Full PDB file with SEQRES, HELIX, SHEET, SSBOND, CRYST1, ORIGX, SCALE, CONECT and MASTER records, all heavy atoms in Angstrom:
SEQRES   1 A   42  ARG GLN PRO LEU ASP LEU VAL ALA VAL ILE ASP THR SER          
SEQRES   2 A   42  GLY SER MET SER ASP GLN ASN LYS LEU VAL LEU VAL LYS          
SEQRES   3 A   42  ASP SER LEU GLU PHE MET ILE HIS GLN LEU LYS PRO THR          
SEQRES   4 A   42  ASP ARG LEU                                                  
HELIX    1 AA1 GLY A   14  MET A   16  5                                   3    
HELIX    2 AA2 GLN A   19  GLN A   35  1                                  17    
CRYST1    1.000    1.000    1.000  90.00  90.00  90.00 P 1           1          
ORIGX1      1.000000  0.000000  0.000000        0.00000                         
ORIGX2      0.000000  1.000000  0.000000        0.00000                         
ORIGX3      0.000000  0.000000  1.000000        0.00000                         
SCALE1      1.000000  0.000000  0.000000        0.00000                         
SCALE2      0.000000  1.000000  0.000000        0.00000                         
SCALE3      0.000000  0.000000  1.000000        0.00000                         
ATOM      1  N   ARG A   1       0.789  -1.196  -0.081  1.00  0.00           N  
ATOM      2  CA  ARG A   1      -0.024   0.020  -0.029  1.00  0.00           C  
ATOM      3  C   ARG A   1       0.861   1.185  -0.073  1.00  0.00           C  
ATOM      4  O   ARG A   1       2.039   1.196   0.382  1.00  0.00           O  
ATOM      5  CB  ARG A   1      -0.961   0.024   1.109  1.00  0.00           C  
ATOM      6  CG  ARG A   1      -0.313   0.153   2.517  1.00  0.00           C  
ATOM      7  CD  ARG A   1      -1.445   0.529   3.607  1.00  0.00           C  
ATOM      8  NE  ARG A   1      -0.834   0.617   4.865  1.00  0.00           N  
ATOM      9  CZ  ARG A   1      -0.158   1.625   5.452  1.00  0.00           C  
ATOM     10  NH1 ARG A   1       0.154   2.667   4.631  1.00  0.00           N  
ATOM     11  NH2 ARG A   1       0.266   1.630   6.557  1.00  0.00           N  
ATOM     12  N   GLN A   2       0.286   2.302  -0.377  1.00  0.00           N  
ATOM     13  CA  GLN A   2       1.001   3.644  -0.494  1.00  0.00           C  
ATOM     14  C   GLN A   2       1.069   4.094   1.017  1.00  0.00           C  
ATOM     15  O   GLN A   2       0.283   3.715   1.814  1.00  0.00           O  
ATOM     16  CB  GLN A   2       0.297   4.567  -1.329  1.00  0.00           C  
ATOM     17  CG  GLN A   2       0.158   4.278  -2.851  1.00  0.00           C  
ATOM     18  CD  GLN A   2       1.583   4.323  -3.346  1.00  0.00           C  
ATOM     19  OE1 GLN A   2       2.329   5.215  -3.181  1.00  0.00           O  
ATOM     20  NE2 GLN A   2       1.900   3.302  -4.053  1.00  0.00           N  
ATOM     21  N   PRO A   3       2.056   4.881   1.201  1.00  0.00           N  
ATOM     22  CA  PRO A   3       2.168   5.590   2.563  1.00  0.00           C  
ATOM     23  C   PRO A   3       0.903   6.466   2.860  1.00  0.00           C  
ATOM     24  O   PRO A   3       0.347   6.966   1.838  1.00  0.00           O  
ATOM     25  CB  PRO A   3       3.351   6.491   2.462  1.00  0.00           C  
ATOM     26  CG  PRO A   3       4.230   5.991   1.309  1.00  0.00           C  
ATOM     27  CD  PRO A   3       3.235   5.239   0.422  1.00  0.00           C  
ATOM     28  N   LEU A   4       0.470   6.507   4.043  1.00  0.00           N  
ATOM     29  CA  LEU A   4      -0.683   7.305   4.290  1.00  0.00           C  
ATOM     30  C   LEU A   4      -0.475   8.373   5.406  1.00  0.00           C  
ATOM     31  O   LEU A   4       0.522   8.254   6.151  1.00  0.00           O  
ATOM     32  CB  LEU A   4      -1.849   6.395   4.752  1.00  0.00           C  
ATOM     33  CG  LEU A   4      -1.786   5.703   6.158  1.00  0.00           C  
ATOM     34  CD1 LEU A   4      -2.610   6.534   7.177  1.00  0.00           C  
ATOM     35  CD2 LEU A   4      -2.334   4.341   6.017  1.00  0.00           C  
ATOM     36  N   ASP A   5      -1.313   9.386   5.275  1.00  0.00           N  
ATOM     37  CA  ASP A   5      -1.269  10.480   6.225  1.00  0.00           C  
ATOM     38  C   ASP A   5      -2.615  10.328   7.030  1.00  0.00           C  
ATOM     39  O   ASP A   5      -3.745  10.298   6.431  1.00  0.00           O  
ATOM     40  CB  ASP A   5      -1.373  11.843   5.532  1.00  0.00           C  
ATOM     41  CG  ASP A   5       0.060  12.212   4.834  1.00  0.00           C  
ATOM     42  OD1 ASP A   5       1.131  11.512   5.203  1.00  0.00           O  
ATOM     43  OD2 ASP A   5       0.144  13.104   4.072  1.00  0.00           O  
ATOM     44  N   LEU A   6      -2.533  10.171   8.302  1.00  0.00           N  
ATOM     45  CA  LEU A   6      -3.652   9.985   9.136  1.00  0.00           C  
ATOM     46  C   LEU A   6      -3.725  11.096  10.204  1.00  0.00           C  
ATOM     47  O   LEU A   6      -2.758  11.434  10.824  1.00  0.00           O  
ATOM     48  CB  LEU A   6      -3.465   8.565   9.884  1.00  0.00           C  
ATOM     49  CG  LEU A   6      -4.603   8.174  10.812  1.00  0.00           C  
ATOM     50  CD1 LEU A   6      -5.931   7.898  10.012  1.00  0.00           C  
ATOM     51  CD2 LEU A   6      -4.201   6.998  11.515  1.00  0.00           C  
ATOM     52  N   VAL A   7      -4.936  11.651  10.261  1.00  0.00           N  
ATOM     53  CA  VAL A   7      -5.194  12.739  11.235  1.00  0.00           C  
ATOM     54  C   VAL A   7      -6.207  12.200  12.274  1.00  0.00           C  
ATOM     55  O   VAL A   7      -7.243  11.739  11.893  1.00  0.00           O  
ATOM     56  CB  VAL A   7      -5.645  13.975  10.643  1.00  0.00           C  
ATOM     57  CG1 VAL A   7      -5.958  15.022  11.738  1.00  0.00           C  
ATOM     58  CG2 VAL A   7      -4.687  14.465   9.503  1.00  0.00           C  
ATOM     59  N   ALA A   8      -5.780  12.059  13.518  1.00  0.00           N  
ATOM     60  CA  ALA A   8      -6.671  11.694  14.596  1.00  0.00           C  
ATOM     61  C   ALA A   8      -7.284  12.894  15.247  1.00  0.00           C  
ATOM     62  O   ALA A   8      -6.445  13.797  15.709  1.00  0.00           O  
ATOM     63  CB  ALA A   8      -5.844  10.806  15.581  1.00  0.00           C  
ATOM     64  N   VAL A   9      -8.576  13.011  15.220  1.00  0.00           N  
ATOM     65  CA  VAL A   9      -9.234  14.182  15.810  1.00  0.00           C  
ATOM     66  C   VAL A   9      -9.887  13.737  17.116  1.00  0.00           C  
ATOM     67  O   VAL A   9     -10.750  12.783  17.039  1.00  0.00           O  
ATOM     68  CB  VAL A   9     -10.316  14.842  14.806  1.00  0.00           C  
ATOM     69  CG1 VAL A   9     -10.894  16.005  15.508  1.00  0.00           C  
ATOM     70  CG2 VAL A   9      -9.558  15.127  13.507  1.00  0.00           C  
ATOM     71  N   ILE A  10      -9.487  14.218  18.185  1.00  0.00           N  
ATOM     72  CA  ILE A  10      -9.821  13.859  19.571  1.00  0.00           C  
ATOM     73  C   ILE A  10     -10.707  14.876  20.251  1.00  0.00           C  
ATOM     74  O   ILE A  10     -10.409  16.005  20.402  1.00  0.00           O  
ATOM     75  CB  ILE A  10      -8.528  13.635  20.487  1.00  0.00           C  
ATOM     76  CG1 ILE A  10      -7.527  12.734  19.780  1.00  0.00           C  
ATOM     77  CG2 ILE A  10      -8.929  13.087  21.751  1.00  0.00           C  
ATOM     78  CD1 ILE A  10      -7.855  11.388  19.358  1.00  0.00           C  
ATOM     79  N   ASP A  11     -11.839  14.492  20.542  1.00  0.00           N  
ATOM     80  CA  ASP A  11     -12.870  15.283  21.350  1.00  0.00           C  
ATOM     81  C   ASP A  11     -12.456  15.348  22.761  1.00  0.00           C  
ATOM     82  O   ASP A  11     -12.258  14.411  23.536  1.00  0.00           O  
ATOM     83  CB  ASP A  11     -14.172  14.588  21.214  1.00  0.00           C  
ATOM     84  CG  ASP A  11     -15.256  15.365  21.969  1.00  0.00           C  
ATOM     85  OD1 ASP A  11     -15.098  16.443  22.546  1.00  0.00           O  
ATOM     86  OD2 ASP A  11     -16.552  14.935  21.887  1.00  0.00           O  
ATOM     87  N   THR A  12     -12.116  16.582  23.124  1.00  0.00           N  
ATOM     88  CA  THR A  12     -11.711  16.973  24.566  1.00  0.00           C  
ATOM     89  C   THR A  12     -12.723  17.777  25.233  1.00  0.00           C  
ATOM     90  O   THR A  12     -12.494  18.352  26.281  1.00  0.00           O  
ATOM     91  CB  THR A  12     -10.317  17.663  24.555  1.00  0.00           C  
ATOM     92  OG1 THR A  12     -10.409  18.739  23.832  1.00  0.00           O  
ATOM     93  CG2 THR A  12      -9.221  16.684  24.085  1.00  0.00           C  
ATOM     94  N   SER A  13     -13.952  17.835  24.744  1.00  0.00           N  
ATOM     95  CA  SER A  13     -15.027  18.594  25.382  1.00  0.00           C  
ATOM     96  C   SER A  13     -15.452  17.891  26.614  1.00  0.00           C  
ATOM     97  O   SER A  13     -15.099  16.753  26.950  1.00  0.00           O  
ATOM     98  CB  SER A  13     -16.191  18.806  24.419  1.00  0.00           C  
ATOM     99  OG  SER A  13     -16.875  17.448  24.195  1.00  0.00           O  
ATOM    100  N   GLY A  14     -16.368  18.545  27.298  1.00  0.00           N  
ATOM    101  CA  GLY A  14     -16.995  18.064  28.679  1.00  0.00           C  
ATOM    102  C   GLY A  14     -17.481  16.642  28.429  1.00  0.00           C  
ATOM    103  O   GLY A  14     -17.448  15.902  29.516  1.00  0.00           O  
ATOM    104  N   SER A  15     -18.051  16.246  27.379  1.00  0.00           N  
ATOM    105  CA  SER A  15     -18.561  14.924  27.214  1.00  0.00           C  
ATOM    106  C   SER A  15     -17.579  13.871  27.368  1.00  0.00           C  
ATOM    107  O   SER A  15     -17.890  12.631  27.555  1.00  0.00           O  
ATOM    108  CB  SER A  15     -19.295  14.836  25.956  1.00  0.00           C  
ATOM    109  OG  SER A  15     -18.435  14.890  24.827  1.00  0.00           O  
ATOM    110  N   MET A  16     -16.277  14.231  27.225  1.00  0.00           N  
ATOM    111  CA  MET A  16     -15.244  13.218  27.347  1.00  0.00           C  
ATOM    112  C   MET A  16     -14.470  13.360  28.605  1.00  0.00           C  
ATOM    113  O   MET A  16     -13.344  12.730  28.859  1.00  0.00           O  
ATOM    114  CB  MET A  16     -14.130  13.583  26.200  1.00  0.00           C  
ATOM    115  CG  MET A  16     -14.594  13.218  24.776  1.00  0.00           C  
ATOM    116  SD  MET A  16     -15.032  11.498  24.621  1.00  0.00           S  
ATOM    117  CE  MET A  16     -13.378  10.715  24.562  1.00  0.00           C  
ATOM    118  N   SER A  17     -15.065  13.937  29.655  1.00  0.00           N  
ATOM    119  CA  SER A  17     -14.526  14.130  30.873  1.00  0.00           C  
ATOM    120  C   SER A  17     -14.363  12.848  31.709  1.00  0.00           C  
ATOM    121  O   SER A  17     -13.559  12.762  32.660  1.00  0.00           O  
ATOM    122  CB  SER A  17     -15.237  15.232  31.839  1.00  0.00           C  
ATOM    123  OG  SER A  17     -16.506  14.867  32.101  1.00  0.00           O  
ATOM    124  N   ASP A  18     -15.078  11.913  31.438  1.00  0.00           N  
ATOM    125  CA  ASP A  18     -14.997  10.618  32.044  1.00  0.00           C  
ATOM    126  C   ASP A  18     -13.608   9.930  31.820  1.00  0.00           C  
ATOM    127  O   ASP A  18     -13.234   9.775  30.638  1.00  0.00           O  
ATOM    128  CB  ASP A  18     -16.151   9.673  31.431  1.00  0.00           C  
ATOM    129  CG  ASP A  18     -16.093   8.206  32.079  1.00  0.00           C  
ATOM    130  OD1 ASP A  18     -15.251   7.925  32.860  1.00  0.00           O  
ATOM    131  OD2 ASP A  18     -16.978   7.464  31.626  1.00  0.00           O  
ATOM    132  N   GLN A  19     -12.900   9.752  32.891  1.00  0.00           N  
ATOM    133  CA  GLN A  19     -11.544   9.054  32.807  1.00  0.00           C  
ATOM    134  C   GLN A  19     -11.442   7.846  31.988  1.00  0.00           C  
ATOM    135  O   GLN A  19     -10.535   7.627  31.181  1.00  0.00           O  
ATOM    136  CB  GLN A  19     -11.016   9.038  34.210  1.00  0.00           C  
ATOM    137  CG  GLN A  19      -9.459   8.692  34.115  1.00  0.00           C  
ATOM    138  CD  GLN A  19      -8.774  10.009  33.718  1.00  0.00           C  
ATOM    139  OE1 GLN A  19      -9.086  11.068  33.822  1.00  0.00           O  
ATOM    140  NE2 GLN A  19      -7.554   9.669  33.239  1.00  0.00           N  
ATOM    141  N   ASN A  20     -12.473   6.956  31.987  1.00  0.00           N  
ATOM    142  CA  ASN A  20     -12.541   5.744  31.267  1.00  0.00           C  
ATOM    143  C   ASN A  20     -12.511   6.052  29.614  1.00  0.00           C  
ATOM    144  O   ASN A  20     -11.811   5.367  28.947  1.00  0.00           O  
ATOM    145  CB  ASN A  20     -13.712   4.907  31.518  1.00  0.00           C  
ATOM    146  CG  ASN A  20     -13.587   4.304  32.955  1.00  0.00           C  
ATOM    147  OD1 ASN A  20     -12.466   4.061  33.458  1.00  0.00           O  
ATOM    148  ND2 ASN A  20     -14.658   4.109  33.624  1.00  0.00           N  
ATOM    149  N   LYS A  21     -13.151   7.075  29.264  1.00  0.00           N  
ATOM    150  CA  LYS A  21     -13.250   7.442  27.837  1.00  0.00           C  
ATOM    151  C   LYS A  21     -11.832   7.879  27.488  1.00  0.00           C  
ATOM    152  O   LYS A  21     -11.385   7.526  26.343  1.00  0.00           O  
ATOM    153  CB  LYS A  21     -14.196   8.531  27.592  1.00  0.00           C  
ATOM    154  CG  LYS A  21     -15.676   8.121  27.679  1.00  0.00           C  
ATOM    155  CD  LYS A  21     -16.635   9.357  27.448  1.00  0.00           C  
ATOM    156  CE  LYS A  21     -18.097   8.963  27.573  1.00  0.00           C  
ATOM    157  NZ  LYS A  21     -18.945   9.983  27.372  1.00  0.00           N  
ATOM    158  N   LEU A  22     -11.126   8.547  28.223  1.00  0.00           N  
ATOM    159  CA  LEU A  22      -9.834   9.113  27.880  1.00  0.00           C  
ATOM    160  C   LEU A  22      -8.859   7.997  27.771  1.00  0.00           C  
ATOM    161  O   LEU A  22      -7.969   7.956  26.980  1.00  0.00           O  
ATOM    162  CB  LEU A  22      -9.376  10.238  28.811  1.00  0.00           C  
ATOM    163  CG  LEU A  22     -10.144  11.464  28.741  1.00  0.00           C  
ATOM    164  CD1 LEU A  22      -9.730  12.511  29.838  1.00  0.00           C  
ATOM    165  CD2 LEU A  22     -10.044  12.146  27.364  1.00  0.00           C  
ATOM    166  N   VAL A  23      -8.978   7.023  28.635  1.00  0.00           N  
ATOM    167  CA  VAL A  23      -8.020   5.800  28.608  1.00  0.00           C  
ATOM    168  C   VAL A  23      -8.317   5.051  27.327  1.00  0.00           C  
ATOM    169  O   VAL A  23      -7.338   4.577  26.737  1.00  0.00           O  
ATOM    170  CB  VAL A  23      -8.300   4.937  29.842  1.00  0.00           C  
ATOM    171  CG1 VAL A  23      -7.638   3.530  29.671  1.00  0.00           C  
ATOM    172  CG2 VAL A  23      -7.858   5.597  31.169  1.00  0.00           C  
ATOM    173  N   LEU A  24      -9.604   4.885  26.938  1.00  0.00           N  
ATOM    174  CA  LEU A  24      -9.853   4.263  25.706  1.00  0.00           C  
ATOM    175  C   LEU A  24      -9.284   4.995  24.428  1.00  0.00           C  
ATOM    176  O   LEU A  24      -8.778   4.272  23.536  1.00  0.00           O  
ATOM    177  CB  LEU A  24     -11.428   3.990  25.527  1.00  0.00           C  
ATOM    178  CG  LEU A  24     -12.098   3.065  26.388  1.00  0.00           C  
ATOM    179  CD1 LEU A  24     -13.615   3.123  26.267  1.00  0.00           C  
ATOM    180  CD2 LEU A  24     -11.628   1.718  26.132  1.00  0.00           C  
ATOM    181  N   VAL A  25      -9.317   6.293  24.481  1.00  0.00           N  
ATOM    182  CA  VAL A  25      -8.804   7.115  23.393  1.00  0.00           C  
ATOM    183  C   VAL A  25      -7.270   6.967  23.352  1.00  0.00           C  
ATOM    184  O   VAL A  25      -6.691   6.664  22.266  1.00  0.00           O  
ATOM    185  CB  VAL A  25      -9.111   8.594  23.544  1.00  0.00           C  
ATOM    186  CG1 VAL A  25      -8.308   9.384  22.616  1.00  0.00           C  
ATOM    187  CG2 VAL A  25     -10.652   8.733  23.354  1.00  0.00           C  
ATOM    188  N   LYS A  26      -6.663   7.004  24.564  1.00  0.00           N  
ATOM    189  CA  LYS A  26      -5.197   6.790  24.591  1.00  0.00           C  
ATOM    190  C   LYS A  26      -4.801   5.393  24.104  1.00  0.00           C  
ATOM    191  O   LYS A  26      -3.900   5.213  23.266  1.00  0.00           O  
ATOM    192  CB  LYS A  26      -4.671   7.027  26.082  1.00  0.00           C  
ATOM    193  CG  LYS A  26      -3.284   6.904  26.196  1.00  0.00           C  
ATOM    194  CD  LYS A  26      -2.755   7.079  27.707  1.00  0.00           C  
ATOM    195  CE  LYS A  26      -1.291   6.835  27.754  1.00  0.00           C  
ATOM    196  NZ  LYS A  26      -1.024   5.805  28.725  1.00  0.00           N  
ATOM    197  N   ASP A  27      -5.453   4.200  24.583  1.00  0.00           N  
ATOM    198  CA  ASP A  27      -5.276   2.928  24.159  1.00  0.00           C  
ATOM    199  C   ASP A  27      -5.458   2.848  22.621  1.00  0.00           C  
ATOM    200  O   ASP A  27      -4.615   2.172  21.841  1.00  0.00           O  
ATOM    201  CB  ASP A  27      -6.063   1.997  24.831  1.00  0.00           C  
ATOM    202  CG  ASP A  27      -5.754   1.870  26.382  1.00  0.00           C  
ATOM    203  OD1 ASP A  27      -4.635   2.307  26.746  1.00  0.00           O  
ATOM    204  OD2 ASP A  27      -6.524   1.174  27.012  1.00  0.00           O  
ATOM    205  N   SER A  28      -6.432   3.484  22.103  1.00  0.00           N  
ATOM    206  CA  SER A  28      -6.680   3.383  20.551  1.00  0.00           C  
ATOM    207  C   SER A  28      -5.608   4.104  19.876  1.00  0.00           C  
ATOM    208  O   SER A  28      -5.066   3.534  18.837  1.00  0.00           O  
ATOM    209  CB  SER A  28      -7.994   4.074  20.285  1.00  0.00           C  
ATOM    210  OG  SER A  28      -9.074   3.426  20.908  1.00  0.00           O  
ATOM    211  N   LEU A  29      -5.096   5.279  20.265  1.00  0.00           N  
ATOM    212  CA  LEU A  29      -3.929   5.934  19.706  1.00  0.00           C  
ATOM    213  C   LEU A  29      -2.701   5.089  19.655  1.00  0.00           C  
ATOM    214  O   LEU A  29      -2.022   4.954  18.680  1.00  0.00           O  
ATOM    215  CB  LEU A  29      -3.740   7.287  20.233  1.00  0.00           C  
ATOM    216  CG  LEU A  29      -4.776   8.371  19.868  1.00  0.00           C  
ATOM    217  CD1 LEU A  29      -4.529   9.604  20.724  1.00  0.00           C  
ATOM    218  CD2 LEU A  29      -4.616   8.747  18.405  1.00  0.00           C  
ATOM    219  N   GLU A  30      -2.445   4.497  20.789  1.00  0.00           N  
ATOM    220  CA  GLU A  30      -1.190   3.683  20.879  1.00  0.00           C  
ATOM    221  C   GLU A  30      -1.394   2.488  19.928  1.00  0.00           C  
ATOM    222  O   GLU A  30      -0.267   2.151  19.183  1.00  0.00           O  
ATOM    223  CB  GLU A  30      -1.019   3.127  22.384  1.00  0.00           C  
ATOM    224  CG  GLU A  30      -0.517   4.228  23.229  1.00  0.00           C  
ATOM    225  CD  GLU A  30      -0.414   3.876  24.660  1.00  0.00           C  
ATOM    226  OE1 GLU A  30      -0.677   2.646  24.976  1.00  0.00           O  
ATOM    227  OE2 GLU A  30      -0.044   4.600  25.543  1.00  0.00           O  
ATOM    228  N   PHE A  31      -2.481   1.881  19.746  1.00  0.00           N  
ATOM    229  CA  PHE A  31      -2.826   0.740  18.910  1.00  0.00           C  
ATOM    230  C   PHE A  31      -2.472   1.178  17.479  1.00  0.00           C  
ATOM    231  O   PHE A  31      -1.745   0.569  16.734  1.00  0.00           O  
ATOM    232  CB  PHE A  31      -4.148   0.152  19.069  1.00  0.00           C  
ATOM    233  CG  PHE A  31      -4.402  -0.949  17.957  1.00  0.00           C  
ATOM    234  CD1 PHE A  31      -3.913  -2.205  18.185  1.00  0.00           C  
ATOM    235  CD2 PHE A  31      -5.162  -0.626  16.901  1.00  0.00           C  
ATOM    236  CE1 PHE A  31      -4.225  -3.215  17.352  1.00  0.00           C  
ATOM    237  CE2 PHE A  31      -5.390  -1.619  15.963  1.00  0.00           C  
ATOM    238  CZ  PHE A  31      -4.888  -2.937  16.122  1.00  0.00           C  
ATOM    239  N   MET A  32      -3.037   2.322  17.126  1.00  0.00           N  
ATOM    240  CA  MET A  32      -2.880   2.945  15.694  1.00  0.00           C  
ATOM    241  C   MET A  32      -1.476   3.123  15.411  1.00  0.00           C  
ATOM    242  O   MET A  32      -0.979   2.863  14.413  1.00  0.00           O  
ATOM    243  CB  MET A  32      -3.680   4.245  15.594  1.00  0.00           C  
ATOM    244  CG  MET A  32      -4.998   4.099  15.049  1.00  0.00           C  
ATOM    245  SD  MET A  32      -5.811   5.671  14.625  1.00  0.00           S  
ATOM    246  CE  MET A  32      -4.965   6.944  15.576  1.00  0.00           C  
ATOM    247  N   ILE A  33      -0.783   3.721  16.369  1.00  0.00           N  
ATOM    248  CA  ILE A  33       0.720   4.066  16.113  1.00  0.00           C  
ATOM    249  C   ILE A  33       1.449   2.915  15.886  1.00  0.00           C  
ATOM    250  O   ILE A  33       2.295   2.813  15.035  1.00  0.00           O  
ATOM    251  CB  ILE A  33       1.264   4.856  17.365  1.00  0.00           C  
ATOM    252  CG1 ILE A  33       0.661   6.248  17.393  1.00  0.00           C  
ATOM    253  CG2 ILE A  33       2.749   4.912  17.319  1.00  0.00           C  
ATOM    254  CD1 ILE A  33       0.849   7.013  18.703  1.00  0.00           C  
ATOM    255  N   HIS A  34       1.271   1.758  16.600  1.00  0.00           N  
ATOM    256  CA  HIS A  34       1.991   0.552  16.425  1.00  0.00           C  
ATOM    257  C   HIS A  34       1.580  -0.165  15.134  1.00  0.00           C  
ATOM    258  O   HIS A  34       2.438  -0.995  14.593  1.00  0.00           O  
ATOM    259  CB  HIS A  34       1.650  -0.496  17.568  1.00  0.00           C  
ATOM    260  CG  HIS A  34       2.355   0.073  18.793  1.00  0.00           C  
ATOM    261  ND1 HIS A  34       3.799   0.200  18.954  1.00  0.00           N  
ATOM    262  CD2 HIS A  34       1.820   0.465  20.020  1.00  0.00           C  
ATOM    263  CE1 HIS A  34       4.059   0.686  20.178  1.00  0.00           C  
ATOM    264  NE2 HIS A  34       2.984   0.818  20.833  1.00  0.00           N  
ATOM    265  N   GLN A  35       0.400   0.209  14.477  1.00  0.00           N  
ATOM    266  CA  GLN A  35       0.052  -0.505  13.232  1.00  0.00           C  
ATOM    267  C   GLN A  35       0.654   0.296  12.012  1.00  0.00           C  
ATOM    268  O   GLN A  35       0.773  -0.176  10.846  1.00  0.00           O  
ATOM    269  CB  GLN A  35      -1.440  -0.422  13.056  1.00  0.00           C  
ATOM    270  CG  GLN A  35      -2.171  -1.297  14.244  1.00  0.00           C  
ATOM    271  CD  GLN A  35      -1.589  -2.679  14.351  1.00  0.00           C  
ATOM    272  OE1 GLN A  35      -1.388  -3.403  13.351  1.00  0.00           O  
ATOM    273  NE2 GLN A  35      -1.229  -3.080  15.511  1.00  0.00           N  
ATOM    274  N   LEU A  36       1.010   1.641  12.299  1.00  0.00           N  
ATOM    275  CA  LEU A  36       1.486   2.500  11.131  1.00  0.00           C  
ATOM    276  C   LEU A  36       2.961   2.053  10.773  1.00  0.00           C  
ATOM    277  O   LEU A  36       3.725   1.543  11.567  1.00  0.00           O  
ATOM    278  CB  LEU A  36       1.497   3.944  11.473  1.00  0.00           C  
ATOM    279  CG  LEU A  36       0.020   4.560  11.690  1.00  0.00           C  
ATOM    280  CD1 LEU A  36       0.127   5.914  12.298  1.00  0.00           C  
ATOM    281  CD2 LEU A  36      -0.721   4.390  10.487  1.00  0.00           C  
ATOM    282  N   LYS A  37       3.171   2.158   9.486  1.00  0.00           N  
ATOM    283  CA  LYS A  37       4.523   1.795   8.941  1.00  0.00           C  
ATOM    284  C   LYS A  37       5.399   3.059   9.072  1.00  0.00           C  
ATOM    285  O   LYS A  37       4.981   4.149   9.201  1.00  0.00           O  
ATOM    286  CB  LYS A  37       4.354   1.380   7.516  1.00  0.00           C  
ATOM    287  CG  LYS A  37       3.526   0.194   7.367  1.00  0.00           C  
ATOM    288  CD  LYS A  37       3.461  -0.285   5.853  1.00  0.00           C  
ATOM    289  CE  LYS A  37       2.555  -1.520   5.680  1.00  0.00           C  
ATOM    290  NZ  LYS A  37       2.996  -2.711   6.282  1.00  0.00           N  
ATOM    291  N   PRO A  38       6.778   2.923   9.014  1.00  0.00           N  
ATOM    292  CA  PRO A  38       7.652   4.032   9.069  1.00  0.00           C  
ATOM    293  C   PRO A  38       7.445   5.079   7.984  1.00  0.00           C  
ATOM    294  O   PRO A  38       7.714   6.261   8.262  1.00  0.00           O  
ATOM    295  CB  PRO A  38       9.021   3.430   8.894  1.00  0.00           C  
ATOM    296  CG  PRO A  38       8.884   2.051   9.313  1.00  0.00           C  
ATOM    297  CD  PRO A  38       7.450   1.586   8.987  1.00  0.00           C  
ATOM    298  N   THR A  39       6.827   4.750   6.889  1.00  0.00           N  
ATOM    299  CA  THR A  39       6.568   5.629   5.835  1.00  0.00           C  
ATOM    300  C   THR A  39       5.305   6.461   5.972  1.00  0.00           C  
ATOM    301  O   THR A  39       4.935   7.366   5.295  1.00  0.00           O  
ATOM    302  CB  THR A  39       6.540   4.922   4.422  1.00  0.00           C  
ATOM    303  OG1 THR A  39       5.637   3.910   4.450  1.00  0.00           O  
ATOM    304  CG2 THR A  39       7.981   4.388   4.145  1.00  0.00           C  
ATOM    305  N   ASP A  40       4.557   6.031   6.953  1.00  0.00           N  
ATOM    306  CA  ASP A  40       3.181   6.684   7.316  1.00  0.00           C  
ATOM    307  C   ASP A  40       3.475   7.899   8.068  1.00  0.00           C  
ATOM    308  O   ASP A  40       4.532   8.026   8.707  1.00  0.00           O  
ATOM    309  CB  ASP A  40       2.235   5.820   7.951  1.00  0.00           C  
ATOM    310  CG  ASP A  40       1.900   4.577   7.162  1.00  0.00           C  
ATOM    311  OD1 ASP A  40       1.776   4.700   5.886  1.00  0.00           O  
ATOM    312  OD2 ASP A  40       1.544   3.535   7.767  1.00  0.00           O  
ATOM    313  N   ARG A  41       2.511   8.861   8.160  1.00  0.00           N  
ATOM    314  CA  ARG A  41       2.502   9.954   8.912  1.00  0.00           C  
ATOM    315  C   ARG A  41       1.340  10.197   9.783  1.00  0.00           C  
ATOM    316  O   ARG A  41       0.152   9.849   9.240  1.00  0.00           O  
ATOM    317  CB  ARG A  41       2.785  11.283   8.086  1.00  0.00           C  
ATOM    318  CG  ARG A  41       4.084  11.266   7.388  1.00  0.00           C  
ATOM    319  CD  ARG A  41       4.410  12.584   6.736  1.00  0.00           C  
ATOM    320  NE  ARG A  41       3.377  13.048   5.843  1.00  0.00           N  
ATOM    321  CZ  ARG A  41       3.397  14.294   5.258  1.00  0.00           C  
ATOM    322  NH1 ARG A  41       4.272  15.118   5.568  1.00  0.00           N  
ATOM    323  NH2 ARG A  41       2.306  14.571   4.461  1.00  0.00           N  
ATOM    324  N   LEU A  42       1.357  10.693  10.974  1.00  0.00           N  
ATOM    325  CA  LEU A  42       0.258  10.836  11.857  1.00  0.00           C  
ATOM    326  C   LEU A  42       0.215  12.245  12.382  1.00  0.00           C  
ATOM    327  O   LEU A  42       1.350  12.843  12.671  1.00  0.00           O  
ATOM    328  CB  LEU A  42       0.355   9.862  13.139  1.00  0.00           C  
ATOM    329  CG  LEU A  42      -0.654  10.076  14.244  1.00  0.00           C  
ATOM    330  CD1 LEU A  42      -2.087   9.551  13.672  1.00  0.00           C  
ATOM    331  CD2 LEU A  42      -0.304   9.239  15.405  1.00  0.00           C  
TER     332      LEU A  42                                                      
MASTER        0    0    0    2    0    0    0    6  331    1    0    4          
END                                                                             
């Protein structure tokens, strides 16, 4: 596949104030980062 540019847009509004939601977002970002190839950009 061609290299990709990925933009993660994270909602930090009051609706995300629940600590569990932020942990899920962080875990998801870490998973994404580990799946990306060195030629990809985030």
